[in-house]
Amino acid sequence: MRRPRENLLPSLAGLLPSFERAEVVVIGDFVADEYVYGETERISREAPVLIVRWESSELKAGGAGNAAQNLAALGVKVRAVGVVGDDRLGSALLEELTDGGIDVSGMIRVPGRATEAKTRILAGGRSTRRQQMIRLDRAPREPLSAAVQKRLVRELEKHGRSAQAILASDYGSGTIHADAIEALRRLKRGGVPVCVDSRYQLRAYTGLTMVKPNEVELEAASGVPLGEPGALERAARVLQKRVDCEVLLVTRGRNGMSVFRKGLPPVHVPAHGSQDAVDVTGAGDTVAATFSAGLAAGGDPVTAARLANVAGSLVVQKPGTATVSRDELAAELLRP
């Protein structure tokens, strides 16, 4: 069952042509999302486990890479700043980003470092849908060296100065360190909007344009328990004051999202479309990317949030790590 459409949706489509003139820099944790598909045959005689016959495999850009791919799908010019290893997965990830139209000149290949990766094995019986059985994660053991950290800051500042917005996509892998956050503040003071999507260290991103927590992250970062009347706004104002951001964008699942701006009443945007999600994997990346694109194209925070809300509703109808194209977004906004 679909939710009623907002009457103002067609007016949002007017911002989409400006996406192709916008440039956004994405800095963060770039991850190789590897999918291995197979058919279950029988139980192994070696151990009580299923034997899976390999059928195919594919690699997608995960983490900050998924955010970058979402921006590129919207027609935005995207520059990626991050690190990969000098291994096979690093090469494949850079190729995937390049094929998506993303400028990878700001990506640093670190000799001897493993590319962060998540390998998902999906299997099922003949003529049945493949379901995820197990996920194998690979992550570098050592933190980035001081030399690589300095190179990251240089790449960020070089590309960030000419951008219309910057998106920091922090999955907790350590790519965005203290010096990089300070560089983001300098760029913001120079007039470039900086949007933040951080899973584990929201409170470290102070003095920037937008911070995007979900309700669980908001509760943890603010220390205000949600659930009582008025708790959402109290928690949002506490966190907004702590991180000193211009906009706090709280994503709320089936309840849509809420936009908190300094000195203004909150704007609550109801969830768009169907309440039933096929797969929420990477939906936060789509929301952060679309919001950043909206700002880069000249939209105000509420307009950008409404666009992101619609894009998020579309991407959760797709399985796995996915994107929403500008044409898909336009079609949904203009749908009768």
C-alpha atoms as a PDB file:
ATOM      1  CA  MET A   1       0.000   0.000   0.000  1.00  0.00           C
ATOM      2  CA  ARG A   2       1.456   3.338  -1.057  1.00  0.00           C
ATOM      3  CA  ARG A   3       1.291   6.465   1.056  1.00  0.00           C
ATOM      4  CA  PRO A   4      -0.494   9.579  -0.288  1.00  0.00           C
ATOM      5  CA  ARG A   5       1.756  11.772  -2.407  1.00  0.00           C
ATOM      6  CA  GLU A   6       2.798  15.222  -1.298  1.00  0.00           C
ATOM      7  CA  ASN A   7       1.416  17.903  -3.630  1.00  0.00           C
ATOM      8  CA  LEU A   8       4.765  19.717  -3.684  1.00  0.00           C
ATOM      9  CA  LEU A   9       6.693  16.799  -5.211  1.00  0.00           C
ATOM     10  CA  PRO A  10       6.438  17.990  -8.848  1.00  0.00           C
ATOM     11  CA  SER A  11       8.027  21.310  -7.863  1.00  0.00           C
ATOM     12  CA  LEU A  12      11.092  19.461  -6.559  1.00  0.00           C
ATOM     13  CA  ALA A  13      11.797  18.100 -10.036  1.00  0.00           C
ATOM     14  CA  GLY A  14      12.790  21.592 -11.137  1.00  0.00           C
ATOM     15  CA  LEU A  15      16.065  21.236  -9.224  1.00  0.00           C
ATOM     16  CA  LEU A  16      17.168  18.049 -11.012  1.00  0.00           C
ATOM     17  CA  PRO A  17      18.556  19.686 -14.205  1.00  0.00           C
ATOM     18  CA  SER A  18      21.025  21.599 -12.022  1.00  0.00           C
ATOM     19  CA  PHE A  19      22.568  18.318 -10.820  1.00  0.00           C
ATOM     20  CA  GLU A  20      24.680  17.977 -13.974  1.00  0.00           C
ATOM     21  CA  ARG A  21      26.347  21.334 -13.231  1.00  0.00           C
ATOM     22  CA  ALA A  22      27.181  20.378  -9.643  1.00  0.00           C
ATOM     23  CA  GLU A  23      30.379  18.785  -8.347  1.00  0.00           C
ATOM     24  CA  VAL A  24      30.575  16.857  -5.074  1.00  0.00           C
ATOM     25  CA  VAL A  25      33.671  15.409  -3.408  1.00  0.00           C
ATOM     26  CA  VAL A  26      33.160  12.179  -1.456  1.00  0.00           C
ATOM     27  CA  ILE A  27      35.733  11.346   1.206  1.00  0.00           C
ATOM     28  CA  GLY A  28      35.489   8.277   3.389  1.00  0.00           C
ATOM     29  CA  ASP A  29      35.826   4.538   3.704  1.00  0.00           C
ATOM     30  CA  PHE A  30      35.703   2.897   0.272  1.00  0.00           C
ATOM     31  CA  VAL A  31      34.758  -0.781   0.496  1.00  0.00           C
ATOM     32  CA  ALA A  32      34.690  -3.561  -2.075  1.00  0.00           C
ATOM     33  CA  ASP A  33      31.299  -5.271  -1.823  1.00  0.00           C
ATOM     34  CA  GLU A  34      31.779  -8.719  -3.356  1.00  0.00           C
ATOM     35  CA  TYR A  35      28.783 -10.953  -4.102  1.00  0.00           C
ATOM     36  CA  VAL A  36      29.222 -14.669  -4.802  1.00  0.00           C
ATOM     37  CA  TYR A  37      26.190 -16.565  -6.114  1.00  0.00           C
ATOM     38  CA  GLY A  38      25.748 -20.312  -6.142  1.00  0.00           C
ATOM     39  CA  GLU A  39      23.400 -23.285  -5.999  1.00  0.00           C
ATOM     40  CA  THR A  40      23.126 -25.443  -2.905  1.00  0.00           C
ATOM     41  CA  GLU A  41      23.810 -29.085  -3.722  1.00  0.00           C
ATOM     42  CA  ARG A  42      23.963 -31.186  -0.573  1.00  0.00           C
ATOM     43  CA  ILE A  43      25.334 -31.427   2.945  1.00  0.00           C
ATOM     44  CA  SER A  44      29.086 -31.947   3.148  1.00  0.00           C
ATOM     45  CA  ARG A  45      30.408 -35.237   4.559  1.00  0.00           C
ATOM     46  CA  GLU A  46      33.277 -33.284   6.136  1.00  0.00           C
ATOM     47  CA  ALA A  47      31.067 -31.110   8.350  1.00  0.00           C
ATOM     48  CA  PRO A  48      27.359 -30.260   8.767  1.00  0.00           C
ATOM     49  CA  VAL A  49      27.507 -27.442   6.208  1.00  0.00           C
ATOM     50  CA  LEU A  50      25.959 -26.857   2.802  1.00  0.00           C
ATOM     51  CA  ILE A  51      28.041 -27.341  -0.307  1.00  0.00           C
ATOM     52  CA  VAL A  52      27.496 -24.468  -2.743  1.00  0.00           C
ATOM     53  CA  ARG A  53      28.344 -24.761  -6.420  1.00  0.00           C
ATOM     54  CA  TRP A  54      29.680 -21.420  -7.691  1.00  0.00           C
ATOM     55  CA  GLU A  55      27.588 -19.787 -10.424  1.00  0.00           C
ATOM     56  CA  SER A  56      28.736 -16.177 -10.706  1.00  0.00           C
ATOM     57  CA  SER A  57      30.195 -13.266  -8.792  1.00  0.00           C
ATOM     58  CA  GLU A  58      30.186  -9.498  -9.005  1.00  0.00           C
ATOM     59  CA  LEU A  59      31.792  -6.558  -7.255  1.00  0.00           C
ATOM     60  CA  LYS A  60      30.092  -3.316  -6.283  1.00  0.00           C
ATOM     61  CA  ALA A  61      31.370  -0.188  -4.589  1.00  0.00           C
ATOM     62  CA  GLY A  62      30.331  -0.163  -0.934  1.00  0.00           C
ATOM     63  CA  GLY A  63      30.679   2.297   1.926  1.00  0.00           C
ATOM     64  CA  ALA A  64      31.711   5.713   0.631  1.00  0.00           C
ATOM     65  CA  GLY A  65      31.861   4.111  -2.808  1.00  0.00           C
ATOM     66  CA  ASN A  66      28.120   3.482  -2.724  1.00  0.00           C
ATOM     67  CA  ALA A  67      27.505   7.122  -1.789  1.00  0.00           C
ATOM     68  CA  ALA A  68      29.712   8.190  -4.709  1.00  0.00           C
ATOM     69  CA  GLN A  69      27.883   5.847  -7.090  1.00  0.00           C
ATOM     70  CA  ASN A  70      24.549   7.278  -5.966  1.00  0.00           C
ATOM     71  CA  LEU A  71      25.750  10.812  -6.698  1.00  0.00           C
ATOM     72  CA  ALA A  72      27.016   9.782 -10.122  1.00  0.00           C
ATOM     73  CA  ALA A  73      23.689   8.081 -10.893  1.00  0.00           C
ATOM     74  CA  LEU A  74      21.986  11.408 -10.182  1.00  0.00           C
ATOM     75  CA  GLY A  75      24.142  13.050 -12.849  1.00  0.00           C
ATOM     76  CA  VAL A  76      26.428  14.873 -10.430  1.00  0.00           C
ATOM     77  CA  LYS A  77      30.154  15.166 -11.162  1.00  0.00           C
ATOM     78  CA  VAL A  78      31.864  13.157  -8.430  1.00  0.00           C
ATOM     79  CA  ARG A  79      35.454  13.098  -7.179  1.00  0.00           C
ATOM     80  CA  ALA A  80      36.446  10.317  -4.776  1.00  0.00           C
ATOM     81  CA  VAL A  81      39.034  10.800  -2.017  1.00  0.00           C
ATOM     82  CA  GLY A  82      40.081   7.750  -0.013  1.00  0.00           C
ATOM     83  CA  VAL A  83      42.408   4.753   0.089  1.00  0.00           C
ATOM     84  CA  VAL A  84      42.541   1.258  -1.350  1.00  0.00           C
ATOM     85  CA  GLY A  85      45.175  -1.416  -1.231  1.00  0.00           C
ATOM     86  CA  ASP A  86      47.473  -2.425  -4.084  1.00  0.00           C
ATOM     87  CA  ASP A  87      45.673  -5.746  -4.372  1.00  0.00           C
ATOM     88  CA  ARG A  88      43.206  -7.316  -6.805  1.00  0.00           C
ATOM     89  CA  LEU A  89      40.175  -5.983  -4.952  1.00  0.00           C
ATOM     90  CA  GLY A  90      41.631  -2.472  -4.933  1.00  0.00           C
ATOM     91  CA  SER A  91      42.047  -2.573  -8.708  1.00  0.00           C
ATOM     92  CA  ALA A  92      38.540  -3.943  -9.168  1.00  0.00           C
ATOM     93  CA  LEU A  93      37.042  -1.283  -6.885  1.00  0.00           C
ATOM     94  CA  LEU A  94      38.777   1.565  -8.722  1.00  0.00           C
ATOM     95  CA  GLU A  95      37.602   0.110 -12.034  1.00  0.00           C
ATOM     96  CA  GLU A  96      34.024  -0.101 -10.735  1.00  0.00           C
ATOM     97  CA  LEU A  97      34.125   3.531  -9.619  1.00  0.00           C
ATOM     98  CA  THR A  98      35.647   4.677 -12.907  1.00  0.00           C
ATOM     99  CA  ASP A  99      33.039   2.758 -14.900  1.00  0.00           C
ATOM    100  CA  GLY A 100      30.419   4.627 -12.871  1.00  0.00           C
ATOM    101  CA  GLY A 101      31.787   7.954 -14.118  1.00  0.00           C
ATOM    102  CA  ILE A 102      33.601   8.857 -10.893  1.00  0.00           C
ATOM    103  CA  ASP A 103      36.940  10.702 -10.898  1.00  0.00           C
ATOM    104  CA  VAL A 104      39.336   8.528  -8.860  1.00  0.00           C
ATOM    105  CA  SER A 105      42.418  10.761  -9.170  1.00  0.00           C
ATOM    106  CA  GLY A 106      42.080  11.543  -5.453  1.00  0.00           C
ATOM    107  CA  MET A 107      42.178   7.861  -4.445  1.00  0.00           C
ATOM    108  CA  ILE A 108      45.443   6.665  -2.902  1.00  0.00           C
ATOM    109  CA  ARG A 109      46.754   3.138  -3.434  1.00  0.00           C
ATOM    110  CA  VAL A 110      48.755   2.064  -0.405  1.00  0.00           C
ATOM    111  CA  PRO A 111      51.428  -0.604  -1.062  1.00  0.00           C
ATOM    112  CA  GLY A 112      51.079  -3.643   1.170  1.00  0.00           C
ATOM    113  CA  ARG A 113      47.644  -2.636   2.423  1.00  0.00           C
ATOM    114  CA  ALA A 114      44.573  -4.821   2.005  1.00  0.00           C
ATOM    115  CA  THR A 115      41.497  -3.238   0.467  1.00  0.00           C
ATOM    116  CA  GLU A 116      38.584  -3.314   2.872  1.00  0.00           C
ATOM    117  CA  ALA A 117      36.042  -5.821   1.562  1.00  0.00           C
ATOM    118  CA  LYS A 118      32.791  -7.566   2.434  1.00  0.00           C
ATOM    119  CA  THR A 119      32.182 -10.854   0.636  1.00  0.00           C
ATOM    120  CA  ARG A 120      28.614 -12.128   0.723  1.00  0.00           C
ATOM    121  CA  ILE A 121      27.800 -15.675  -0.330  1.00  0.00           C
ATOM    122  CA  LEU A 122      24.245 -16.048  -1.616  1.00  0.00           C
ATOM    123  CA  ALA A 123      22.855 -19.448  -2.472  1.00  0.00           C
ATOM    124  CA  GLY A 124      19.664 -21.405  -2.946  1.00  0.00           C
ATOM    125  CA  GLY A 125      18.128 -24.394  -4.584  1.00  0.00           C
ATOM    126  CA  ARG A 126      17.468 -24.742  -8.287  1.00  0.00           C
ATOM    127  CA  SER A 127      14.948 -22.142  -9.550  1.00  0.00           C
ATOM    128  CA  THR A 128      14.816 -20.380  -6.174  1.00  0.00           C
ATOM    129  CA  ARG A 129      15.945 -16.909  -5.164  1.00  0.00           C
ATOM    130  CA  ARG A 130      19.495 -16.711  -3.836  1.00  0.00           C
ATOM    131  CA  GLN A 131      19.632 -15.826  -0.116  1.00  0.00           C
ATOM    132  CA  GLN A 132      22.630 -14.591   1.842  1.00  0.00           C
ATOM    133  CA  MET A 133      24.233 -17.423   3.812  1.00  0.00           C
ATOM    134  CA  ILE A 134      27.322 -15.795   5.273  1.00  0.00           C
ATOM    135  CA  ARG A 135      29.387 -12.602   5.066  1.00  0.00           C
ATOM    136  CA  LEU A 136      33.166 -12.560   5.209  1.00  0.00           C
ATOM    137  CA  ASP A 137      34.744  -9.211   6.128  1.00  0.00           C
ATOM    138  CA  ARG A 138      38.313  -8.200   5.390  1.00  0.00           C
ATOM    139  CA  ALA A 139      39.750  -5.020   6.881  1.00  0.00           C
ATOM    140  CA  PRO A 140      43.286  -3.622   7.158  1.00  0.00           C
ATOM    141  CA  ARG A 141      44.857  -4.289  10.538  1.00  0.00           C
ATOM    142  CA  GLU A 142      47.122  -1.232  10.631  1.00  0.00           C
ATOM    143  CA  PRO A 143      45.987   2.412  10.773  1.00  0.00           C
ATOM    144  CA  LEU A 144      46.965   4.750   7.970  1.00  0.00           C
ATOM    145  CA  SER A 145      50.491   6.089   8.205  1.00  0.00           C
ATOM    146  CA  ALA A 146      51.113   9.780   8.876  1.00  0.00           C
ATOM    147  CA  ALA A 147      52.352  10.191   5.295  1.00  0.00           C
ATOM    148  CA  VAL A 148      49.138   8.728   3.821  1.00  0.00           C
ATOM    149  CA  GLN A 149      47.023  10.854   6.164  1.00  0.00           C
ATOM    150  CA  LYS A 150      48.790  13.983   4.918  1.00  0.00           C
ATOM    151  CA  ARG A 151      48.240  12.930   1.300  1.00  0.00           C
ATOM    152  CA  LEU A 152      44.549  12.448   2.014  1.00  0.00           C
ATOM    153  CA  VAL A 153      44.266  15.950   3.420  1.00  0.00           C
ATOM    154  CA  ARG A 154      46.059  17.383   0.380  1.00  0.00           C
ATOM    155  CA  GLU A 155      43.741  15.540  -2.012  1.00  0.00           C
ATOM    156  CA  LEU A 156      40.684  16.629  -0.032  1.00  0.00           C
ATOM    157  CA  GLU A 157      41.679  20.289  -0.023  1.00  0.00           C
ATOM    158  CA  LYS A 158      42.765  20.272  -3.699  1.00  0.00           C
ATOM    159  CA  HIS A 159      39.479  18.829  -4.942  1.00  0.00           C
ATOM    160  CA  GLY A 160      37.231  20.287  -2.251  1.00  0.00           C
ATOM    161  CA  ARG A 161      37.926  23.962  -2.965  1.00  0.00           C
ATOM    162  CA  SER A 162      36.239  23.825  -6.378  1.00  0.00           C
ATOM    163  CA  ALA A 163      33.320  21.625  -5.331  1.00  0.00           C
ATOM    164  CA  GLN A 164      29.765  22.740  -4.640  1.00  0.00           C
ATOM    165  CA  ALA A 165      29.519  20.288  -1.718  1.00  0.00           C
ATOM    166  CA  ILE A 166      31.522  17.649   0.148  1.00  0.00           C
ATOM    167  CA  LEU A 167      30.143  14.423   1.581  1.00  0.00           C
ATOM    168  CA  ALA A 168      32.071  12.693   4.385  1.00  0.00           C
ATOM    169  CA  SER A 169      31.020   9.030   4.466  1.00  0.00           C
ATOM    170  CA  ASP A 170      32.532   7.550   7.629  1.00  0.00           C
ATOM    171  CA  TYR A 171      31.992   3.833   8.238  1.00  0.00           C
ATOM    172  CA  GLY A 172      34.468   3.690  11.124  1.00  0.00           C
ATOM    173  CA  SER A 173      37.469   2.314   9.228  1.00  0.00           C
ATOM    174  CA  GLY A 174      39.722   5.242  10.107  1.00  0.00           C
ATOM    175  CA  THR A 175      40.087   6.950   6.733  1.00  0.00           C
ATOM    176  CA  ILE A 176      38.718  10.266   8.024  1.00  0.00           C
ATOM    177  CA  HIS A 177      41.105  11.164  10.836  1.00  0.00           C
ATOM    178  CA  ALA A 178      41.361  14.298  12.985  1.00  0.00           C
ATOM    179  CA  ASP A 179      43.416  16.294  10.459  1.00  0.00           C
ATOM    180  CA  ALA A 180      40.935  15.460   7.696  1.00  0.00           C
ATOM    181  CA  ILE A 181      38.039  16.664   9.860  1.00  0.00           C
ATOM    182  CA  GLU A 182      39.893  19.917  10.486  1.00  0.00           C
ATOM    183  CA  ALA A 183      40.381  20.257   6.722  1.00  0.00           C
ATOM    184  CA  LEU A 184      36.631  19.793   6.282  1.00  0.00           C
ATOM    185  CA  ARG A 185      36.075  22.667   8.707  1.00  0.00           C
ATOM    186  CA  ARG A 186      38.456  24.893   6.734  1.00  0.00           C
ATOM    187  CA  LEU A 187      36.639  24.087   3.505  1.00  0.00           C
ATOM    188  CA  LYS A 188      33.302  24.794   5.137  1.00  0.00           C
ATOM    189  CA  ARG A 189      34.570  28.160   6.380  1.00  0.00           C
ATOM    190  CA  GLY A 190      35.625  28.804   2.786  1.00  0.00           C
ATOM    191  CA  GLY A 191      32.025  28.458   1.661  1.00  0.00           C
ATOM    192  CA  VAL A 192      31.733  24.797   0.666  1.00  0.00           C
ATOM    193  CA  PRO A 193      28.820  22.927   2.315  1.00  0.00           C
ATOM    194  CA  VAL A 194      30.062  19.811   4.129  1.00  0.00           C
ATOM    195  CA  CYS A 195      27.631  16.960   4.823  1.00  0.00           C
ATOM    196  CA  VAL A 196      28.441  14.136   7.234  1.00  0.00           C
ATOM    197  CA  ASP A 197      27.203  10.555   7.446  1.00  0.00           C
ATOM    198  CA  SER A 198      29.129   8.886  10.271  1.00  0.00           C
ATOM    199  CA  ARG A 199      28.212   5.588  11.865  1.00  0.00           C
ATOM    200  CA  TYR A 200      30.341   5.714  15.020  1.00  0.00           C
ATOM    201  CA  GLN A 201      31.795   9.179  15.671  1.00  0.00           C
ATOM    202  CA  LEU A 202      29.148  11.775  14.921  1.00  0.00           C
ATOM    203  CA  ARG A 203      30.269  13.996  17.767  1.00  0.00           C
ATOM    204  CA  ALA A 204      33.749  14.390  16.260  1.00  0.00           C
ATOM    205  CA  TYR A 205      32.314  16.274  13.273  1.00  0.00           C
ATOM    206  CA  THR A 206      31.837  19.704  14.773  1.00  0.00           C
ATOM    207  CA  GLY A 207      31.341  23.006  12.975  1.00  0.00           C
ATOM    208  CA  LEU A 208      30.103  21.575   9.664  1.00  0.00           C
ATOM    209  CA  THR A 209      26.974  22.035   7.549  1.00  0.00           C
ATOM    210  CA  MET A 210      24.903  18.880   7.949  1.00  0.00           C
ATOM    211  CA  VAL A 211      25.093  15.801  10.158  1.00  0.00           C
ATOM    212  CA  LYS A 212      22.831  12.805   9.421  1.00  0.00           C
ATOM    213  CA  PRO A 213      22.062  10.373  12.265  1.00  0.00           C
ATOM    214  CA  ASN A 214      19.331   7.787  12.333  1.00  0.00           C
ATOM    215  CA  GLU A 215      17.246   7.489  15.505  1.00  0.00           C
ATOM    216  CA  VAL A 216      19.544   4.924  17.135  1.00  0.00           C
ATOM    217  CA  GLU A 217      22.616   7.059  16.410  1.00  0.00           C
ATOM    218  CA  LEU A 218      20.818  10.171  17.615  1.00  0.00           C
ATOM    219  CA  GLU A 219      19.925   8.558  20.927  1.00  0.00           C
ATOM    220  CA  ALA A 220      23.495   7.316  21.462  1.00  0.00           C
ATOM    221  CA  ALA A 221      25.174  10.602  20.494  1.00  0.00           C
ATOM    222  CA  SER A 222      22.796  12.882  22.408  1.00  0.00           C
ATOM    223  CA  GLY A 223      22.312  10.753  25.518  1.00  0.00           C
ATOM    224  CA  VAL A 224      18.574  11.509  25.382  1.00  0.00           C
ATOM    225  CA  PRO A 225      16.345   8.369  25.384  1.00  0.00           C
ATOM    226  CA  LEU A 226      13.753   8.442  22.616  1.00  0.00           C
ATOM    227  CA  GLY A 227      10.220   7.173  22.976  1.00  0.00           C
ATOM    228  CA  GLU A 228       8.586   9.837  25.143  1.00  0.00           C
ATOM    229  CA  PRO A 229       6.642  12.756  23.654  1.00  0.00           C
ATOM    230  CA  GLY A 230       8.998  15.540  22.594  1.00  0.00           C
ATOM    231  CA  ALA A 231      12.121  13.391  23.061  1.00  0.00           C
ATOM    232  CA  LEU A 232      13.047  13.471  19.385  1.00  0.00           C
ATOM    233  CA  GLU A 233      13.330  17.253  19.292  1.00  0.00           C
ATOM    234  CA  ARG A 234      15.131  17.399  22.660  1.00  0.00           C
ATOM    235  CA  ALA A 235      17.685  14.846  21.491  1.00  0.00           C
ATOM    236  CA  ALA A 236      18.125  16.607  18.155  1.00  0.00           C
ATOM    237  CA  ARG A 237      18.685  20.013  19.756  1.00  0.00           C
ATOM    238  CA  VAL A 238      21.171  18.543  22.244  1.00  0.00           C
ATOM    239  CA  LEU A 239      23.205  16.902  19.480  1.00  0.00           C
ATOM    240  CA  GLN A 240      22.925  19.910  17.186  1.00  0.00           C
ATOM    241  CA  LYS A 241      24.347  22.129  19.909  1.00  0.00           C
ATOM    242  CA  ARG A 242      27.167  19.679  20.653  1.00  0.00           C
ATOM    243  CA  VAL A 243      28.307  19.367  17.046  1.00  0.00           C
ATOM    244  CA  ASP A 244      27.436  22.964  16.097  1.00  0.00           C
ATOM    245  CA  CYS A 245      25.993  22.003  12.707  1.00  0.00           C
ATOM    246  CA  GLU A 246      23.655  24.144  10.657  1.00  0.00           C
ATOM    247  CA  VAL A 247      21.364  21.214   9.823  1.00  0.00           C
ATOM    248  CA  LEU A 248      20.654  17.974  11.633  1.00  0.00           C
ATOM    249  CA  LEU A 249      18.932  15.489   9.331  1.00  0.00           C
ATOM    250  CA  VAL A 250      17.396  12.629  11.336  1.00  0.00           C
ATOM    251  CA  THR A 251      16.327   9.601   9.292  1.00  0.00           C
ATOM    252  CA  ARG A 252      13.447   7.757  10.951  1.00  0.00           C
ATOM    253  CA  GLY A 253      12.648   4.711   8.828  1.00  0.00           C
ATOM    254  CA  ARG A 254       8.897   4.324   8.374  1.00  0.00           C
ATOM    255  CA  ASN A 255       8.380   7.723   9.985  1.00  0.00           C
ATOM    256  CA  GLY A 256      10.308   9.521   7.250  1.00  0.00           C
ATOM    257  CA  MET A 257      12.855  12.112   8.336  1.00  0.00           C
ATOM    258  CA  SER A 258      13.086  15.311  10.346  1.00  0.00           C
ATOM    259  CA  VAL A 259      15.082  18.436   9.511  1.00  0.00           C
ATOM    260  CA  PHE A 260      16.387  20.563  12.377  1.00  0.00           C
ATOM    261  CA  ARG A 261      17.876  23.971  11.568  1.00  0.00           C
ATOM    262  CA  LYS A 262      19.299  26.540  13.935  1.00  0.00           C
ATOM    263  CA  GLY A 263      16.701  29.030  15.114  1.00  0.00           C
ATOM    264  CA  LEU A 264      13.865  27.467  13.117  1.00  0.00           C
ATOM    265  CA  PRO A 265      11.103  24.992  13.942  1.00  0.00           C
ATOM    266  CA  PRO A 266      11.706  21.404  12.805  1.00  0.00           C
ATOM    267  CA  VAL A 267      10.299  20.149   9.531  1.00  0.00           C
ATOM    268  CA  HIS A 268       8.982  16.570   9.610  1.00  0.00           C
ATOM    269  CA  VAL A 269       8.915  14.882   6.208  1.00  0.00           C
ATOM    270  CA  PRO A 270       6.628  11.816   6.108  1.00  0.00           C
ATOM    271  CA  ALA A 271       7.899   8.611   4.530  1.00  0.00           C
ATOM    272  CA  HIS A 272       7.248   8.460   0.809  1.00  0.00           C
ATOM    273  CA  GLY A 273       5.620   5.568  -1.019  1.00  0.00           C
ATOM    274  CA  SER A 274       5.336   2.001   0.224  1.00  0.00           C
ATOM    275  CA  GLN A 275       6.085   1.109   3.842  1.00  0.00           C
ATOM    276  CA  ASP A 276       7.408  -2.312   2.766  1.00  0.00           C
ATOM    277  CA  ALA A 277      11.123  -2.345   2.020  1.00  0.00           C
ATOM    278  CA  VAL A 278      12.752  -5.056  -0.088  1.00  0.00           C
ATOM    279  CA  ASP A 279      16.262  -4.281   1.189  1.00  0.00           C
ATOM    280  CA  VAL A 280      17.506  -1.343   3.263  1.00  0.00           C
ATOM    281  CA  THR A 281      21.184  -2.037   2.468  1.00  0.00           C
ATOM    282  CA  GLY A 282      22.896   1.246   1.587  1.00  0.00           C
ATOM    283  CA  ALA A 283      19.734   3.341   1.914  1.00  0.00           C
ATOM    284  CA  GLY A 284      21.565   5.785   4.186  1.00  0.00           C
ATOM    285  CA  ASP A 285      24.138   6.340   1.437  1.00  0.00           C
ATOM    286  CA  THR A 286      21.375   7.184  -1.021  1.00  0.00           C
ATOM    287  CA  VAL A 287      19.820   9.675   1.395  1.00  0.00           C
ATOM    288  CA  ALA A 288      23.152  11.356   2.205  1.00  0.00           C
ATOM    289  CA  ALA A 289      24.123  11.488  -1.472  1.00  0.00           C
ATOM    290  CA  THR A 290      20.816  12.946  -2.646  1.00  0.00           C
ATOM    291  CA  PHE A 291      20.799  15.543   0.137  1.00  0.00           C
ATOM    292  CA  SER A 292      24.350  16.571  -0.796  1.00  0.00           C
ATOM    293  CA  ALA A 293      23.371  16.766  -4.469  1.00  0.00           C
ATOM    294  CA  GLY A 294      20.406  18.961  -3.567  1.00  0.00           C
ATOM    295  CA  LEU A 295      22.622  21.413  -1.696  1.00  0.00           C
ATOM    296  CA  ALA A 296      25.262  21.358  -4.438  1.00  0.00           C
ATOM    297  CA  ALA A 297      22.581  22.173  -7.016  1.00  0.00           C
ATOM    298  CA  GLY A 298      21.494  25.238  -5.033  1.00  0.00           C
ATOM    299  CA  GLY A 299      18.581  23.826  -3.066  1.00  0.00           C
ATOM    300  CA  ASP A 300      17.816  24.708   0.537  1.00  0.00           C
ATOM    301  CA  PRO A 301      18.086  22.038   3.285  1.00  0.00           C
ATOM    302  CA  VAL A 302      14.366  21.229   3.374  1.00  0.00           C
ATOM    303  CA  THR A 303      14.173  20.840  -0.407  1.00  0.00           C
ATOM    304  CA  ALA A 304      17.276  18.647  -0.333  1.00  0.00           C
ATOM    305  CA  ALA A 305      15.743  16.537   2.445  1.00  0.00           C
ATOM    306  CA  ARG A 306      12.489  16.061   0.522  1.00  0.00           C
ATOM    307  CA  LEU A 307      14.437  14.895  -2.522  1.00  0.00           C
ATOM    308  CA  ALA A 308      16.486  12.539  -0.355  1.00  0.00           C
ATOM    309  CA  ASN A 309      13.306  11.177   1.207  1.00  0.00           C
ATOM    310  CA  VAL A 310      11.907  10.204  -2.198  1.00  0.00           C
ATOM    311  CA  ALA A 311      15.225   8.732  -3.379  1.00  0.00           C
ATOM    312  CA  GLY A 312      15.472   6.673  -0.190  1.00  0.00           C
ATOM    313  CA  SER A 313      11.988   5.277  -0.712  1.00  0.00           C
ATOM    314  CA  LEU A 314      12.955   4.129  -4.209  1.00  0.00           C
ATOM    315  CA  VAL A 315      16.264   2.498  -3.339  1.00  0.00           C
ATOM    316  CA  VAL A 316      14.817   0.275  -0.591  1.00  0.00           C
ATOM    317  CA  GLN A 317      12.631  -1.339  -3.265  1.00  0.00           C
ATOM    318  CA  LYS A 318      15.802  -2.716  -4.897  1.00  0.00           C
ATOM    319  CA  PRO A 319      17.810  -5.699  -3.628  1.00  0.00           C
ATOM    320  CA  GLY A 320      21.371  -5.266  -2.381  1.00  0.00           C
ATOM    321  CA  THR A 321      23.615  -2.248  -2.789  1.00  0.00           C
ATOM    322  CA  ALA A 322      21.787  -0.073  -5.329  1.00  0.00           C
ATOM    323  CA  THR A 323      21.439   3.445  -6.690  1.00  0.00           C
ATOM    324  CA  VAL A 324      18.633   5.703  -7.879  1.00  0.00           C
ATOM    325  CA  SER A 325      19.125   7.490 -11.193  1.00  0.00           C
ATOM    326  CA  ARG A 326      18.105  11.049 -11.918  1.00  0.00           C
ATOM    327  CA  ASP A 327      15.553   9.765 -14.447  1.00  0.00           C
ATOM    328  CA  GLU A 328      14.024   7.411 -11.852  1.00  0.00           C
ATOM    329  CA  LEU A 329      13.803  10.233  -9.339  1.00  0.00           C
ATOM    330  CA  ALA A 330      12.254  12.597 -11.890  1.00  0.00           C
ATOM    331  CA  ALA A 331       9.702   9.968 -12.932  1.00  0.00           C
ATOM    332  CA  GLU A 332       8.639   9.434  -9.315  1.00  0.00           C
ATOM    333  CA  LEU A 333       8.397  13.157  -8.600  1.00  0.00           C
ATOM    334  CA  LEU A 334       6.263  13.770 -11.689  1.00  0.00           C
ATOM    335  CA  ARG A 335       4.138  10.627 -11.378  1.00  0.00           C
ATOM    336  CA  PRO A 336       0.385  11.510 -11.332  1.00  0.00           C
END
